[in-house]
Structure formats: structure tokens, C-alpha cells
Amino acid sequence: MQEDKIYEYAVIRLVPKVEREEFFNIGLVMFSKKEKFIRVEFHLCPDKFELMHSKLDYDEVQKNLENFSHVAHGHKEGGEIAQYDIPERFRWLTAVRSSVIQTSRPHPGKTKDLNATFNRLFEELVK
């Protein structure tokens, strides 16, 4: 019988006008320290993006999301922070900040299948 795996996840949000604190969910980041697992995915719908009537540039936001992914996965393109170990990268990515890309507070859970749980959460919270 497969053992439960402890994980944490945070929802990635786009906050087009930070001063108004309005946002919509655009991604998910999940990690498990014991499993040395981190996964991040985004879905930035162009139609929804246009509805926000902001001065943000869609391509610029996409570029920032790619950098978020580079940091999460430890790619050299993510800079110095991408060289940290997985828990430190997750904590840095989910730190409270006042920017157009933010995350929810991390939420804990346990599962037998990290990828299946990620897929379910992504469908429920982002798509």
C-alpha cells in the first residue's frame, strides 16, 4: 500500500490593479519536501485578461510567469534564487508581496499521488 505524501500548494493570482486587490486565479504551485517535488502550471486566458481593463501587457505577464516557473524548477534562467533548495524556492515564491503576480497563502494536504492531486486542484481552482 502506497504511503501518503505531505504537500503544500498555493494558488497563483494575477492582480492587475494591486491597489484594488482584485485578482483572478491563473496558476498553481505545489511542493513536497520529502518527495523533493515541485510543480507549477499556469493558464492565462487572453479573453479574461482583456476583461480586466488594465494597462498590463499580456506578453510581459507571460514572461514573468515563465521566470516564476524557472525559479520553481531551479533553472539557471531563474537567477540566484533558483539555486536554492526546493522548500526555500517554494517559500520565496509564496512570500507575501505587493505585485501583479501573487500567491495565496500555502495550504497543506496529503495524498498518495502528487500529480493527480495537482491536476485536480488545477482544474478546480484555475481552469
N, C-alpha and C. Protein backbone atom coordinates (compact mmCIF):
# COMPACT_ATOMS: atom_id res chain seq x y z
N MET A 1 0.84 -1.19 0.00
CA MET A 1 0.00 0.00 0.00
C MET A 1 0.88 1.25 0.00
N GLN A 2 0.55 2.17 -0.86
CA GLN A 2 1.35 3.38 -1.01
C GLN A 2 1.10 4.34 0.16
N GLU A 3 2.17 4.94 0.64
CA GLU A 3 2.13 5.86 1.77
C GLU A 3 1.64 7.24 1.34
N ASP A 4 0.92 7.93 2.23
CA ASP A 4 0.51 9.30 1.95
C ASP A 4 1.71 10.22 1.89
N LYS A 5 1.65 11.18 0.98
CA LYS A 5 2.70 12.17 0.81
C LYS A 5 2.16 13.53 1.28
N ILE A 6 2.92 14.19 2.12
CA ILE A 6 2.55 15.52 2.61
C ILE A 6 2.97 16.55 1.56
N TYR A 7 2.10 17.51 1.28
CA TYR A 7 2.41 18.55 0.30
C TYR A 7 1.85 19.89 0.76
N GLU A 8 2.30 20.94 0.09
CA GLU A 8 1.73 22.27 0.24
C GLU A 8 1.49 22.82 -1.16
N TYR A 9 0.45 23.63 -1.29
CA TYR A 9 0.18 24.27 -2.57
C TYR A 9 -0.28 25.69 -2.33
N ALA A 10 -0.10 26.51 -3.35
CA ALA A 10 -0.61 27.88 -3.34
C ALA A 10 -1.16 28.19 -4.73
N VAL A 11 -2.22 28.96 -4.74
CA VAL A 11 -2.82 29.40 -5.99
C VAL A 11 -2.09 30.66 -6.45
N ILE A 12 -1.74 30.71 -7.72
CA ILE A 12 -1.07 31.88 -8.29
C ILE A 12 -2.15 32.79 -8.87
N ARG A 13 -2.05 34.07 -8.52
CA ARG A 13 -3.07 35.03 -8.90
C ARG A 13 -2.50 36.18 -9.71
N LEU A 14 -3.31 36.69 -10.61
CA LEU A 14 -2.96 37.92 -11.32
C LEU A 14 -3.77 39.04 -10.68
N VAL A 15 -3.06 40.08 -10.25
CA VAL A 15 -3.68 41.22 -9.59
C VAL A 15 -3.41 42.45 -10.47
N PRO A 16 -4.26 42.69 -11.46
CA PRO A 16 -3.98 43.76 -12.43
C PRO A 16 -3.86 45.15 -11.82
N LYS A 17 -4.64 45.44 -10.81
CA LYS A 17 -4.57 46.74 -10.12
C LYS A 17 -4.37 46.44 -8.64
N VAL A 18 -3.12 46.41 -8.24
CA VAL A 18 -2.77 45.99 -6.88
C VAL A 18 -3.52 46.81 -5.84
N GLU A 19 -3.69 48.09 -6.08
CA GLU A 19 -4.36 48.95 -5.10
C GLU A 19 -5.82 48.55 -4.88
N ARG A 20 -6.43 47.88 -5.86
CA ARG A 20 -7.84 47.45 -5.71
C ARG A 20 -7.96 46.05 -5.14
N GLU A 21 -6.86 45.30 -5.10
CA GLU A 21 -6.81 43.95 -4.55
C GLU A 21 -7.76 42.98 -5.24
N GLU A 22 -8.12 43.26 -6.49
CA GLU A 22 -8.93 42.33 -7.27
C GLU A 22 -7.99 41.40 -8.01
N PHE A 23 -8.37 40.15 -8.11
CA PHE A 23 -7.49 39.18 -8.76
C PHE A 23 -8.29 38.08 -9.42
N PHE A 24 -7.61 37.33 -10.27
CA PHE A 24 -8.17 36.07 -10.74
C PHE A 24 -7.07 35.02 -10.75
N ASN A 25 -7.47 33.78 -10.54
CA ASN A 25 -6.52 32.68 -10.43
C ASN A 25 -5.97 32.32 -11.80
N ILE A 26 -4.64 32.18 -11.87
CA ILE A 26 -4.01 31.87 -13.15
C ILE A 26 -3.04 30.69 -13.08
N GLY A 27 -2.85 30.13 -11.90
CA GLY A 27 -1.89 29.03 -11.82
C GLY A 27 -1.88 28.38 -10.45
N LEU A 28 -0.99 27.39 -10.34
CA LEU A 28 -0.86 26.63 -9.11
C LEU A 28 0.59 26.21 -8.95
N VAL A 29 1.08 26.27 -7.73
CA VAL A 29 2.41 25.75 -7.40
C VAL A 29 2.24 24.79 -6.23
N MET A 30 2.87 23.63 -6.33
CA MET A 30 2.77 22.60 -5.29
C MET A 30 4.16 22.05 -5.02
N PHE A 31 4.42 21.73 -3.75
CA PHE A 31 5.69 21.10 -3.43
C PHE A 31 5.53 20.11 -2.30
N SER A 32 6.43 19.14 -2.28
CA SER A 32 6.52 18.16 -1.20
C SER A 32 7.99 18.03 -0.84
N LYS A 33 8.32 18.39 0.38
CA LYS A 33 9.72 18.36 0.81
C LYS A 33 10.28 16.95 0.78
N LYS A 34 9.57 16.02 1.39
CA LYS A 34 10.07 14.64 1.48
C LYS A 34 10.24 14.01 0.10
N GLU A 35 9.34 14.32 -0.81
CA GLU A 35 9.38 13.73 -2.16
C GLU A 35 10.29 14.51 -3.11
N LYS A 36 10.83 15.66 -2.63
CA LYS A 36 11.66 16.53 -3.49
C LYS A 36 10.91 16.86 -4.79
N PHE A 37 9.66 17.27 -4.59
CA PHE A 37 8.73 17.51 -5.69
C PHE A 37 8.34 18.98 -5.71
N ILE A 38 8.36 19.57 -6.89
CA ILE A 38 7.77 20.89 -7.08
C ILE A 38 7.20 20.92 -8.49
N ARG A 39 6.02 21.50 -8.60
CA ARG A 39 5.37 21.59 -9.91
C ARG A 39 4.61 22.91 -9.97
N VAL A 40 4.66 23.54 -11.11
CA VAL A 40 3.94 24.80 -11.31
C VAL A 40 3.37 24.79 -12.72
N GLU A 41 2.13 25.28 -12.83
CA GLU A 41 1.49 25.44 -14.14
C GLU A 41 0.65 26.70 -14.12
N PHE A 42 0.46 27.27 -15.30
CA PHE A 42 -0.32 28.49 -15.46
C PHE A 42 -1.34 28.32 -16.57
N HIS A 43 -2.40 29.12 -16.47
CA HIS A 43 -3.35 29.24 -17.56
C HIS A 43 -3.81 30.69 -17.56
N LEU A 44 -3.21 31.49 -18.42
CA LEU A 44 -3.55 32.91 -18.51
C LEU A 44 -4.42 33.10 -19.74
N CYS A 45 -5.71 33.10 -19.52
CA CYS A 45 -6.69 33.21 -20.60
C CYS A 45 -6.66 34.63 -21.18
N PRO A 46 -6.34 34.78 -22.48
CA PRO A 46 -6.28 36.12 -23.08
C PRO A 46 -7.61 36.88 -22.99
N ASP A 47 -8.72 36.18 -23.13
CA ASP A 47 -10.03 36.84 -23.07
C ASP A 47 -10.30 37.40 -21.67
N LYS A 48 -10.02 36.60 -20.66
CA LYS A 48 -10.21 37.04 -19.28
C LYS A 48 -9.26 38.20 -18.97
N PHE A 49 -8.04 38.09 -19.48
CA PHE A 49 -7.04 39.14 -19.28
C PHE A 49 -7.57 40.47 -19.82
N GLU A 50 -8.15 40.46 -21.00
CA GLU A 50 -8.68 41.68 -21.62
C GLU A 50 -9.84 42.27 -20.81
N LEU A 51 -10.62 41.41 -20.16
CA LEU A 51 -11.76 41.89 -19.38
C LEU A 51 -11.35 42.71 -18.16
N MET A 52 -10.11 42.55 -17.73
CA MET A 52 -9.66 43.26 -16.53
C MET A 52 -9.40 44.74 -16.78
N HIS A 53 -9.39 45.17 -18.02
CA HIS A 53 -9.20 46.59 -18.37
C HIS A 53 -8.01 47.20 -17.64
N SER A 54 -6.90 46.53 -17.70
CA SER A 54 -5.72 47.07 -17.04
C SER A 54 -4.71 47.51 -18.10
N LYS A 55 -3.68 48.17 -17.63
CA LYS A 55 -2.63 48.63 -18.52
C LYS A 55 -1.50 47.60 -18.63
N LEU A 56 -1.71 46.44 -18.08
CA LEU A 56 -0.69 45.39 -18.14
C LEU A 56 -0.53 44.89 -19.57
N ASP A 57 0.67 44.50 -19.89
CA ASP A 57 0.97 43.92 -21.19
C ASP A 57 0.93 42.39 -21.05
N TYR A 58 0.10 41.74 -21.83
CA TYR A 58 -0.07 40.29 -21.76
C TYR A 58 1.26 39.56 -21.91
N ASP A 59 2.07 39.94 -22.91
CA ASP A 59 3.35 39.27 -23.14
C ASP A 59 4.32 39.46 -21.98
N GLU A 60 4.28 40.63 -21.36
CA GLU A 60 5.14 40.89 -20.20
C GLU A 60 4.73 40.01 -19.01
N VAL A 61 3.44 39.86 -18.80
CA VAL A 61 2.96 38.98 -17.73
C VAL A 61 3.38 37.54 -18.02
N GLN A 62 3.26 37.11 -19.26
CA GLN A 62 3.69 35.75 -19.63
C GLN A 62 5.18 35.55 -19.34
N LYS A 63 5.98 36.57 -19.64
CA LYS A 63 7.42 36.49 -19.39
C LYS A 63 7.70 36.35 -17.88
N ASN A 64 6.96 37.09 -17.07
CA ASN A 64 7.12 36.99 -15.62
C ASN A 64 6.69 35.62 -15.10
N LEU A 65 5.66 35.06 -15.70
CA LEU A 65 5.23 33.72 -15.31
C LEU A 65 6.28 32.68 -15.68
N GLU A 66 6.91 32.84 -16.81
CA GLU A 66 7.99 31.93 -17.20
C GLU A 66 9.14 32.01 -16.21
N ASN A 67 9.45 33.22 -15.74
CA ASN A 67 10.51 33.36 -14.74
C ASN A 67 10.11 32.70 -13.43
N PHE A 68 8.85 32.83 -13.04
CA PHE A 68 8.32 32.17 -11.85
C PHE A 68 8.57 30.66 -11.98
N SER A 69 8.28 30.12 -13.15
CA SER A 69 8.49 28.69 -13.41
C SER A 69 9.98 28.33 -13.36
N HIS A 70 10.83 29.18 -13.91
CA HIS A 70 12.28 28.93 -13.86
C HIS A 70 12.77 28.85 -12.41
N VAL A 71 12.29 29.76 -11.58
CA VAL A 71 12.68 29.74 -10.16
C VAL A 71 12.18 28.45 -9.51
N ALA A 72 10.91 28.13 -9.74
CA ALA A 72 10.33 26.94 -9.12
C ALA A 72 11.11 25.68 -9.47
N HIS A 73 11.48 25.54 -10.72
CA HIS A 73 12.14 24.31 -11.18
C HIS A 73 13.66 24.34 -11.07
N GLY A 74 14.21 25.44 -10.54
CA GLY A 74 15.65 25.51 -10.32
C GLY A 74 16.47 25.71 -11.58
N HIS A 75 15.86 26.29 -12.62
CA HIS A 75 16.59 26.55 -13.86
C HIS A 75 17.48 27.77 -13.70
N LYS A 76 18.64 27.75 -14.33
CA LYS A 76 19.59 28.86 -14.19
C LYS A 76 18.99 30.19 -14.66
N GLU A 77 18.02 30.16 -15.58
CA GLU A 77 17.37 31.39 -16.05
C GLU A 77 16.61 32.09 -14.92
N GLY A 78 16.34 31.36 -13.83
CA GLY A 78 15.64 31.93 -12.68
C GLY A 78 16.53 32.72 -11.75
N GLY A 79 17.81 32.77 -12.06
CA GLY A 79 18.74 33.56 -11.24
C GLY A 79 19.17 32.85 -9.97
N GLU A 80 19.68 33.65 -9.05
CA GLU A 80 20.26 33.12 -7.80
C GLU A 80 19.25 32.35 -6.97
N ILE A 81 18.03 32.85 -6.89
CA ILE A 81 17.00 32.20 -6.07
C ILE A 81 16.68 30.80 -6.58
N ALA A 82 16.79 30.59 -7.87
CA ALA A 82 16.52 29.29 -8.47
C ALA A 82 17.53 28.24 -8.00
N GLN A 83 18.63 28.67 -7.42
CA GLN A 83 19.65 27.73 -6.95
C GLN A 83 19.37 27.25 -5.52
N TYR A 84 18.40 27.84 -4.86
CA TYR A 84 18.03 27.41 -3.51
C TYR A 84 17.42 26.01 -3.58
N ASP A 85 17.31 25.34 -2.43
CA ASP A 85 16.66 24.03 -2.45
C ASP A 85 15.14 24.22 -2.59
N ILE A 86 14.44 23.15 -2.87
CA ILE A 86 13.00 23.23 -3.20
C ILE A 86 12.18 23.94 -2.13
N PRO A 87 12.30 23.59 -0.84
CA PRO A 87 11.47 24.31 0.15
C PRO A 87 11.75 25.81 0.19
N GLU A 88 13.01 26.21 0.06
CA GLU A 88 13.33 27.64 0.07
C GLU A 88 12.75 28.33 -1.16
N ARG A 89 12.80 27.69 -2.33
CA ARG A 89 12.21 28.28 -3.53
C ARG A 89 10.71 28.44 -3.37
N PHE A 90 10.06 27.40 -2.84
CA PHE A 90 8.61 27.48 -2.62
C PHE A 90 8.27 28.62 -1.67
N ARG A 91 9.03 28.74 -0.58
CA ARG A 91 8.77 29.82 0.39
C ARG A 91 8.98 31.19 -0.25
N TRP A 92 10.01 31.33 -1.08
CA TRP A 92 10.26 32.61 -1.75
C TRP A 92 9.11 32.93 -2.71
N LEU A 93 8.68 31.93 -3.48
CA LEU A 93 7.61 32.16 -4.46
C LEU A 93 6.28 32.50 -3.79
N THR A 94 6.05 31.97 -2.59
CA THR A 94 4.76 32.19 -1.92
C THR A 94 4.83 33.28 -0.85
N ALA A 95 5.93 34.00 -0.77
CA ALA A 95 6.04 35.10 0.19
C ALA A 95 5.05 36.21 -0.19
N VAL A 96 4.52 36.86 0.82
CA VAL A 96 3.58 37.96 0.60
C VAL A 96 4.31 39.08 -0.12
N ARG A 97 3.70 39.56 -1.19
CA ARG A 97 4.30 40.68 -1.93
C ARG A 97 3.19 41.51 -2.56
N SER A 98 3.54 42.73 -2.86
CA SER A 98 2.61 43.66 -3.49
C SER A 98 3.03 43.81 -4.96
N SER A 99 2.62 42.86 -5.77
CA SER A 99 2.95 42.89 -7.20
C SER A 99 1.77 42.33 -7.97
N VAL A 100 1.84 42.37 -9.28
CA VAL A 100 0.71 41.90 -10.08
C VAL A 100 0.62 40.38 -10.11
N ILE A 101 1.71 39.68 -9.79
CA ILE A 101 1.66 38.22 -9.66
C ILE A 101 1.88 37.90 -8.19
N GLN A 102 0.86 37.31 -7.58
CA GLN A 102 0.89 36.97 -6.16
C GLN A 102 0.42 35.54 -5.99
N THR A 103 0.59 35.01 -4.79
CA THR A 103 0.05 33.69 -4.48
C THR A 103 -0.85 33.78 -3.25
N SER A 104 -1.71 32.79 -3.14
CA SER A 104 -2.48 32.64 -1.91
C SER A 104 -1.51 32.20 -0.81
N ARG A 105 -2.00 32.16 0.40
CA ARG A 105 -1.20 31.55 1.46
C ARG A 105 -1.09 30.06 1.14
N PRO A 106 0.01 29.42 1.51
CA PRO A 106 0.13 27.98 1.25
C PRO A 106 -0.89 27.18 2.06
N HIS A 107 -1.36 26.12 1.45
CA HIS A 107 -2.32 25.21 2.07
C HIS A 107 -1.70 23.81 2.11
N PRO A 108 -1.82 23.10 3.23
CA PRO A 108 -1.24 21.75 3.33
C PRO A 108 -2.24 20.68 2.90
N GLY A 109 -1.71 19.52 2.63
CA GLY A 109 -2.55 18.37 2.32
C GLY A 109 -1.72 17.11 2.31
N LYS A 110 -2.41 15.99 2.10
CA LYS A 110 -1.70 14.73 1.93
C LYS A 110 -2.42 13.91 0.87
N THR A 111 -1.64 13.16 0.14
CA THR A 111 -2.17 12.40 -0.99
C THR A 111 -1.27 11.21 -1.27
N LYS A 112 -1.78 10.27 -1.99
CA LYS A 112 -0.97 9.15 -2.45
C LYS A 112 -0.34 9.46 -3.80
N ASP A 113 -0.93 10.41 -4.54
CA ASP A 113 -0.46 10.72 -5.90
C ASP A 113 -0.38 12.25 -6.08
N LEU A 114 0.83 12.79 -5.99
CA LEU A 114 1.02 14.24 -6.07
C LEU A 114 0.55 14.81 -7.40
N ASN A 115 0.89 14.16 -8.51
CA ASN A 115 0.49 14.70 -9.82
C ASN A 115 -1.02 14.67 -10.02
N ALA A 116 -1.68 13.60 -9.59
CA ALA A 116 -3.14 13.54 -9.72
C ALA A 116 -3.81 14.62 -8.87
N THR A 117 -3.28 14.84 -7.68
CA THR A 117 -3.84 15.88 -6.81
C THR A 117 -3.59 17.25 -7.41
N PHE A 118 -2.39 17.48 -7.95
CA PHE A 118 -2.11 18.75 -8.62
C PHE A 118 -3.11 18.98 -9.75
N ASN A 119 -3.31 17.98 -10.59
CA ASN A 119 -4.23 18.11 -11.72
C ASN A 119 -5.65 18.44 -11.26
N ARG A 120 -6.10 17.78 -10.20
CA ARG A 120 -7.45 18.04 -9.68
C ARG A 120 -7.56 19.46 -9.14
N LEU A 121 -6.59 19.90 -8.35
CA LEU A 121 -6.60 21.25 -7.80
C LEU A 121 -6.54 22.30 -8.92
N PHE A 122 -5.71 22.05 -9.92
CA PHE A 122 -5.59 22.99 -11.03
C PHE A 122 -6.93 23.15 -11.75
N GLU A 123 -7.60 22.04 -11.98
CA GLU A 123 -8.92 22.09 -12.65
C GLU A 123 -9.93 22.84 -11.78
N GLU A 124 -9.94 22.57 -10.47
CA GLU A 124 -10.92 23.18 -9.58
C GLU A 124 -10.67 24.66 -9.35
N LEU A 125 -9.40 25.05 -9.21
CA LEU A 125 -9.07 26.40 -8.76
C LEU A 125 -8.65 27.36 -9.86
N VAL A 126 -8.22 26.83 -11.00
CA VAL A 126 -7.67 27.70 -12.03
C VAL A 126 -8.49 27.68 -13.31
N LYS A 127 -8.79 26.53 -13.83
CA LYS A 127 -9.45 26.44 -15.14
C LYS A 127 -10.89 26.85 -15.11
